[in-house]
Amino acid sequence: MSKVDKTAGRANKEIEELKTQIEGLTEALQRERADSVNLRRRVEEDRSKMADFYKAQVVRELLPALDNLERAVHHRPKVLASDQWAAGIDVISHQLEKILNELGVKRIKTKDQIFDPKYHEAVSVDQDSEGDTEVVANELQAGYTLGDEVIRHAAVRVKMRPGNNEQNSETENHKKEDQNG
């Protein structure tokens, strides 16, 4: 074998080694890029969850004041029905509701809704009513959600009413799914 052949053989071997190194480095770079993208996504998800957590904390602190404002509006004496000051209180109440909606806070539906322990807290049950379906009769305290999270359950009074079996089995299926899920 000539000296040229040996040199060409070594050069080919070095080229193959360099190609293998390039392939390995390319794969490592692609993994690092994917890890970087995944890290950015996780950080953004964590940041969003943290923002929702603190938002829910602030809303929880504000709810007693909102409850009292709603009580004041609801129990306003008839003498003050056309009073400008009382009308201003109504405006403030509506502004707070609008702000909560813009923050993604939703009031839990209660009146005549099928009782759902995920959203409702039964304070009392009307034992005199007959039926096979638990339905919310009265809302005693408003409940709120932020996205899928319940900030505060709605305190409700429950009554029994006749319901159709299909609706009852559907409700039972949802309850079972929630328990199993």
C-alpha atoms as a PDB file:
ATOM      1  CA  MET A   1       0.000   0.000   0.000  1.00  0.00           C
ATOM      2  CA  SER A   2       1.381   3.312  -0.979  1.00  0.00           C
ATOM      3  CA  LYS A   3       1.872   6.330   1.197  1.00  0.00           C
ATOM      4  CA  VAL A   4      -0.882   8.184  -0.693  1.00  0.00           C
ATOM      5  CA  ASP A   5      -3.326   5.353  -0.104  1.00  0.00           C
ATOM      6  CA  LYS A   6      -2.526   5.332   3.623  1.00  0.00           C
ATOM      7  CA  THR A   7      -2.992   9.103   3.834  1.00  0.00           C
ATOM      8  CA  ALA A   8      -6.276   8.906   1.899  1.00  0.00           C
ATOM      9  CA  GLY A   9      -7.443   6.083   4.193  1.00  0.00           C
ATOM     10  CA  ARG A  10      -6.625   8.142   7.308  1.00  0.00           C
ATOM     11  CA  ALA A  11      -8.354  11.179   5.799  1.00  0.00           C
ATOM     12  CA  ASN A  12     -11.471   9.143   5.017  1.00  0.00           C
ATOM     13  CA  LYS A  13     -11.419   7.717   8.553  1.00  0.00           C
ATOM     14  CA  GLU A  14     -11.092  11.249  10.029  1.00  0.00           C
ATOM     15  CA  ILE A  15     -13.913  12.464   7.784  1.00  0.00           C
ATOM     16  CA  GLU A  16     -16.161   9.638   8.997  1.00  0.00           C
ATOM     17  CA  GLU A  17     -15.269  10.432  12.632  1.00  0.00           C
ATOM     18  CA  LEU A  18     -16.012  14.115  12.035  1.00  0.00           C
ATOM     19  CA  LYS A  19     -19.348  13.253  10.405  1.00  0.00           C
ATOM     20  CA  THR A  20     -20.236  11.069  13.416  1.00  0.00           C
ATOM     21  CA  GLN A  21     -19.273  13.919  15.776  1.00  0.00           C
ATOM     22  CA  ILE A  22     -21.350  16.391  13.772  1.00  0.00           C
ATOM     23  CA  GLU A  23     -24.365  14.049  13.879  1.00  0.00           C
ATOM     24  CA  GLY A  24     -23.953  13.607  17.651  1.00  0.00           C
ATOM     25  CA  LEU A  25     -23.601  17.352  18.222  1.00  0.00           C
ATOM     26  CA  THR A  26     -26.583  18.061  15.966  1.00  0.00           C
ATOM     27  CA  GLU A  27     -28.733  15.609  17.956  1.00  0.00           C
ATOM     28  CA  ALA A  28     -27.533  17.132  21.247  1.00  0.00           C
ATOM     29  CA  LEU A  29     -28.337  20.631  19.964  1.00  0.00           C
ATOM     30  CA  GLN A  30     -31.821  19.529  18.883  1.00  0.00           C
ATOM     31  CA  ARG A  31     -32.436  17.983  22.334  1.00  0.00           C
ATOM     32  CA  GLU A  32     -31.239  21.173  24.019  1.00  0.00           C
ATOM     33  CA  ARG A  33     -33.525  23.281  21.827  1.00  0.00           C
ATOM     34  CA  ALA A  34     -36.490  21.009  22.632  1.00  0.00           C
ATOM     35  CA  ASP A  35     -35.631  21.180  26.348  1.00  0.00           C
ATOM     36  CA  SER A  36     -35.440  24.956  26.108  1.00  0.00           C
ATOM     37  CA  VAL A  37     -38.851  25.161  24.417  1.00  0.00           C
ATOM     38  CA  ASN A  38     -40.358  22.825  27.030  1.00  0.00           C
ATOM     39  CA  LEU A  39     -38.805  24.847  29.852  1.00  0.00           C
ATOM     40  CA  ARG A  40     -40.224  28.107  28.456  1.00  0.00           C
ATOM     41  CA  ARG A  41     -43.656  26.477  28.141  1.00  0.00           C
ATOM     42  CA  ARG A  42     -43.525  25.137  31.722  1.00  0.00           C
ATOM     43  CA  VAL A  43     -42.367  28.492  33.088  1.00  0.00           C
ATOM     44  CA  GLU A  44     -45.234  30.233  31.280  1.00  0.00           C
ATOM     45  CA  GLU A  45     -47.748  27.682  32.622  1.00  0.00           C
ATOM     46  CA  ASP A  46     -46.364  28.107  36.152  1.00  0.00           C
ATOM     47  CA  ARG A  47     -46.507  31.882  35.803  1.00  0.00           C
ATOM     48  CA  SER A  48     -50.134  31.683  34.659  1.00  0.00           C
ATOM     49  CA  LYS A  49     -51.053  29.338  37.532  1.00  0.00           C
ATOM     50  CA  MET A  50     -49.315  31.634  40.011  1.00  0.00           C
ATOM     51  CA  ALA A  51     -51.173  34.659  38.629  1.00  0.00           C
ATOM     52  CA  ASP A  52     -54.496  32.816  38.953  1.00  0.00           C
ATOM     53  CA  PHE A  53     -53.591  31.749  42.487  1.00  0.00           C
ATOM     54  CA  TYR A  54     -52.906  35.312  43.608  1.00  0.00           C
ATOM     55  CA  LYS A  55     -55.909  36.618  41.715  1.00  0.00           C
ATOM     56  CA  ALA A  56     -58.103  34.114  43.555  1.00  0.00           C
ATOM     57  CA  GLN A  57     -56.529  35.133  46.885  1.00  0.00           C
ATOM     58  CA  VAL A  58     -57.303  38.812  46.282  1.00  0.00           C
ATOM     59  CA  VAL A  59     -60.866  38.036  45.190  1.00  0.00           C
ATOM     60  CA  ARG A  60     -61.398  35.892  48.327  1.00  0.00           C
ATOM     61  CA  GLU A  61     -60.357  38.888  50.436  1.00  0.00           C
ATOM     62  CA  LEU A  62     -62.753  41.189  48.551  1.00  0.00           C
ATOM     63  CA  LEU A  63     -65.797  38.895  48.646  1.00  0.00           C
ATOM     64  CA  PRO A  64     -67.011  39.873  52.146  1.00  0.00           C
ATOM     65  CA  ALA A  65     -67.048  43.542  51.117  1.00  0.00           C
ATOM     66  CA  LEU A  66     -68.884  42.659  47.893  1.00  0.00           C
ATOM     67  CA  ASP A  67     -71.391  40.579  49.897  1.00  0.00           C
ATOM     68  CA  ASN A  68     -72.066  43.519  52.215  1.00  0.00           C
ATOM     69  CA  LEU A  69     -72.482  45.891  49.283  1.00  0.00           C
ATOM     70  CA  GLU A  70     -74.999  43.508  47.679  1.00  0.00           C
ATOM     71  CA  ARG A  71     -76.886  43.245  50.967  1.00  0.00           C
ATOM     72  CA  ALA A  72     -77.010  47.035  51.231  1.00  0.00           C
ATOM     73  CA  VAL A  73     -78.387  47.331  47.683  1.00  0.00           C
ATOM     74  CA  HIS A  74     -80.877  44.507  48.254  1.00  0.00           C
ATOM     75  CA  HIS A  75     -82.176  45.902  51.562  1.00  0.00           C
ATOM     76  CA  ARG A  76     -82.315  49.560  50.545  1.00  0.00           C
ATOM     77  CA  PRO A  77     -85.349  51.266  52.104  1.00  0.00           C
ATOM     78  CA  LYS A  78     -88.091  52.229  49.637  1.00  0.00           C
ATOM     79  CA  VAL A  79     -87.703  55.826  50.794  1.00  0.00           C
ATOM     80  CA  LEU A  80     -84.251  55.856  49.130  1.00  0.00           C
ATOM     81  CA  ALA A  81     -85.445  54.316  45.838  1.00  0.00           C
ATOM     82  CA  SER A  82     -84.909  57.547  43.873  1.00  0.00           C
ATOM     83  CA  ASP A  83     -82.003  58.858  45.966  1.00  0.00           C
ATOM     84  CA  GLN A  84     -78.873  59.795  43.977  1.00  0.00           C
ATOM     85  CA  TRP A  85     -76.551  58.464  46.664  1.00  0.00           C
ATOM     86  CA  ALA A  86     -78.292  55.069  46.595  1.00  0.00           C
ATOM     87  CA  ALA A  87     -78.079  55.060  42.793  1.00  0.00           C
ATOM     88  CA  GLY A  88     -74.327  55.631  43.151  1.00  0.00           C
ATOM     89  CA  ILE A  89     -74.098  52.531  45.344  1.00  0.00           C
ATOM     90  CA  ASP A  90     -75.818  50.562  42.555  1.00  0.00           C
ATOM     91  CA  VAL A  91     -73.233  51.858  40.068  1.00  0.00           C
ATOM     92  CA  ILE A  92     -70.365  50.805  42.348  1.00  0.00           C
ATOM     93  CA  SER A  93     -71.885  47.342  42.730  1.00  0.00           C
ATOM     94  CA  HIS A  94     -72.181  46.962  38.925  1.00  0.00           C
ATOM     95  CA  GLN A  95     -68.608  48.201  38.453  1.00  0.00           C
ATOM     96  CA  LEU A  96     -67.301  45.569  40.869  1.00  0.00           C
ATOM     97  CA  GLU A  97     -69.248  42.843  39.065  1.00  0.00           C
ATOM     98  CA  LYS A  98     -67.810  44.020  35.741  1.00  0.00           C
ATOM     99  CA  ILE A  99     -64.258  44.030  37.118  1.00  0.00           C
ATOM    100  CA  LEU A 100     -64.684  40.503  38.449  1.00  0.00           C
ATOM    101  CA  ASN A 101     -66.003  39.352  35.055  1.00  0.00           C
ATOM    102  CA  GLU A 102     -63.023  40.944  33.305  1.00  0.00           C
ATOM    103  CA  LEU A 103     -60.707  39.080  35.689  1.00  0.00           C
ATOM    104  CA  GLY A 104     -62.411  35.816  34.704  1.00  0.00           C
ATOM    105  CA  VAL A 105     -64.337  35.453  37.973  1.00  0.00           C
ATOM    106  CA  LYS A 106     -67.813  34.018  37.410  1.00  0.00           C
ATOM    107  CA  ARG A 107     -70.717  33.846  39.821  1.00  0.00           C
ATOM    108  CA  ILE A 108     -71.971  30.294  40.354  1.00  0.00           C
ATOM    109  CA  LYS A 109     -75.537  29.754  39.142  1.00  0.00           C
ATOM    110  CA  THR A 110     -77.802  28.652  41.951  1.00  0.00           C
ATOM    111  CA  LYS A 111     -81.559  29.301  41.792  1.00  0.00           C
ATOM    112  CA  ASP A 112     -83.416  26.263  40.402  1.00  0.00           C
ATOM    113  CA  GLN A 113     -80.149  24.533  39.472  1.00  0.00           C
ATOM    114  CA  ILE A 114     -79.594  20.875  40.286  1.00  0.00           C
ATOM    115  CA  PHE A 115     -77.545  20.725  43.466  1.00  0.00           C
ATOM    116  CA  ASP A 116     -73.883  20.036  42.684  1.00  0.00           C
ATOM    117  CA  PRO A 117     -71.517  19.686  45.657  1.00  0.00           C
ATOM    118  CA  LYS A 118     -68.661  20.746  43.404  1.00  0.00           C
ATOM    119  CA  TYR A 119     -70.160  24.266  43.321  1.00  0.00           C
ATOM    120  CA  HIS A 120     -72.814  24.373  46.041  1.00  0.00           C
ATOM    121  CA  GLU A 121     -72.653  23.990  49.798  1.00  0.00           C
ATOM    122  CA  ALA A 122     -75.990  22.891  51.259  1.00  0.00           C
ATOM    123  CA  VAL A 123     -76.678  24.869  54.409  1.00  0.00           C
ATOM    124  CA  SER A 124     -80.133  23.361  54.842  1.00  0.00           C
ATOM    125  CA  VAL A 125     -82.453  20.925  53.109  1.00  0.00           C
ATOM    126  CA  ASP A 126     -86.227  21.396  52.944  1.00  0.00           C
ATOM    127  CA  GLN A 127     -87.403  18.068  54.317  1.00  0.00           C
ATOM    128  CA  ASP A 128     -91.069  18.868  53.596  1.00  0.00           C
ATOM    129  CA  SER A 129     -90.604  18.833  49.830  1.00  0.00           C
ATOM    130  CA  GLU A 130     -91.041  15.622  47.877  1.00  0.00           C
ATOM    131  CA  GLY A 131     -89.148  14.306  44.927  1.00  0.00           C
ATOM    132  CA  ASP A 132     -86.008  12.537  43.879  1.00  0.00           C
ATOM    133  CA  THR A 133     -83.883  15.458  42.644  1.00  0.00           C
ATOM    134  CA  GLU A 134     -82.017  17.923  44.852  1.00  0.00           C
ATOM    135  CA  VAL A 135     -82.540  21.454  43.535  1.00  0.00           C
ATOM    136  CA  VAL A 136     -81.271  24.762  44.865  1.00  0.00           C
ATOM    137  CA  ALA A 137     -84.204  26.667  46.366  1.00  0.00           C
ATOM    138  CA  ASN A 138     -82.424  29.786  47.674  1.00  0.00           C
ATOM    139  CA  GLU A 139     -78.975  31.289  47.536  1.00  0.00           C
ATOM    140  CA  LEU A 140     -77.787  32.347  50.976  1.00  0.00           C
ATOM    141  CA  GLN A 141     -74.321  33.463  49.882  1.00  0.00           C
ATOM    142  CA  ALA A 142     -72.967  33.824  46.359  1.00  0.00           C
ATOM    143  CA  GLY A 143     -70.259  31.484  45.154  1.00  0.00           C
ATOM    144  CA  TYR A 144     -67.581  32.237  42.577  1.00  0.00           C
ATOM    145  CA  THR A 145     -65.220  30.416  40.226  1.00  0.00           C
ATOM    146  CA  LEU A 146     -62.029  31.457  38.488  1.00  0.00           C
ATOM    147  CA  GLY A 147     -61.583  29.225  35.488  1.00  0.00           C
ATOM    148  CA  ASP A 148     -62.064  25.674  36.775  1.00  0.00           C
ATOM    149  CA  GLU A 149     -61.250  26.575  40.375  1.00  0.00           C
ATOM    150  CA  VAL A 150     -63.994  27.274  42.904  1.00  0.00           C
ATOM    151  CA  ILE A 151     -62.989  30.387  44.841  1.00  0.00           C
ATOM    152  CA  ARG A 152     -65.952  30.062  47.187  1.00  0.00           C
ATOM    153  CA  HIS A 153     -68.839  27.587  47.127  1.00  0.00           C
ATOM    154  CA  ALA A 154     -72.336  29.020  46.949  1.00  0.00           C
ATOM    155  CA  ALA A 155     -74.133  28.555  50.266  1.00  0.00           C
ATOM    156  CA  VAL A 156     -77.609  27.346  49.356  1.00  0.00           C
ATOM    157  CA  ARG A 157     -80.876  25.967  50.696  1.00  0.00           C
ATOM    158  CA  VAL A 158     -81.883  22.762  48.904  1.00  0.00           C
ATOM    159  CA  LYS A 159     -85.324  21.317  48.214  1.00  0.00           C
ATOM    160  CA  MET A 160     -86.420  18.055  46.649  1.00  0.00           C
ATOM    161  CA  ARG A 161     -88.441  18.079  43.455  1.00  0.00           C
ATOM    162  CA  PRO A 162     -89.704  15.404  41.144  1.00  0.00           C
ATOM    163  CA  GLY A 163     -87.296  14.886  38.292  1.00  0.00           C
ATOM    164  CA  ASN A 164     -87.128  12.638  35.294  1.00  0.00           C
ATOM    165  CA  ASN A 165     -85.025   9.505  35.682  1.00  0.00           C
ATOM    166  CA  GLU A 166     -82.915  10.295  32.612  1.00  0.00           C
ATOM    167  CA  GLN A 167     -81.804  13.607  34.097  1.00  0.00           C
ATOM    168  CA  ASN A 168     -81.125  11.964  37.476  1.00  0.00           C
ATOM    169  CA  SER A 169     -79.011   9.204  35.942  1.00  0.00           C
ATOM    170  CA  GLU A 170     -77.096  11.842  33.953  1.00  0.00           C
ATOM    171  CA  THR A 171     -76.405  13.786  37.150  1.00  0.00           C
ATOM    172  CA  GLU A 172     -75.328  10.601  38.913  1.00  0.00           C
ATOM    173  CA  ASN A 173     -72.996   9.784  36.007  1.00  0.00           C
ATOM    174  CA  HIS A 174     -71.397  13.245  36.282  1.00  0.00           C
ATOM    175  CA  LYS A 175     -70.976  12.797  40.026  1.00  0.00           C
ATOM    176  CA  LYS A 176     -69.372   9.378  39.502  1.00  0.00           C
ATOM    177  CA  GLU A 177     -67.064  10.789  36.819  1.00  0.00           C
ATOM    178  CA  ASP A 178     -66.011  13.608  39.175  1.00  0.00           C
ATOM    179  CA  GLN A 179     -65.295  11.086  41.937  1.00  0.00           C
ATOM    180  CA  ASN A 180     -63.379   8.745  39.635  1.00  0.00           C
ATOM    181  CA  GLY A 181     -61.709  11.471  37.550  1.00  0.00           C
END
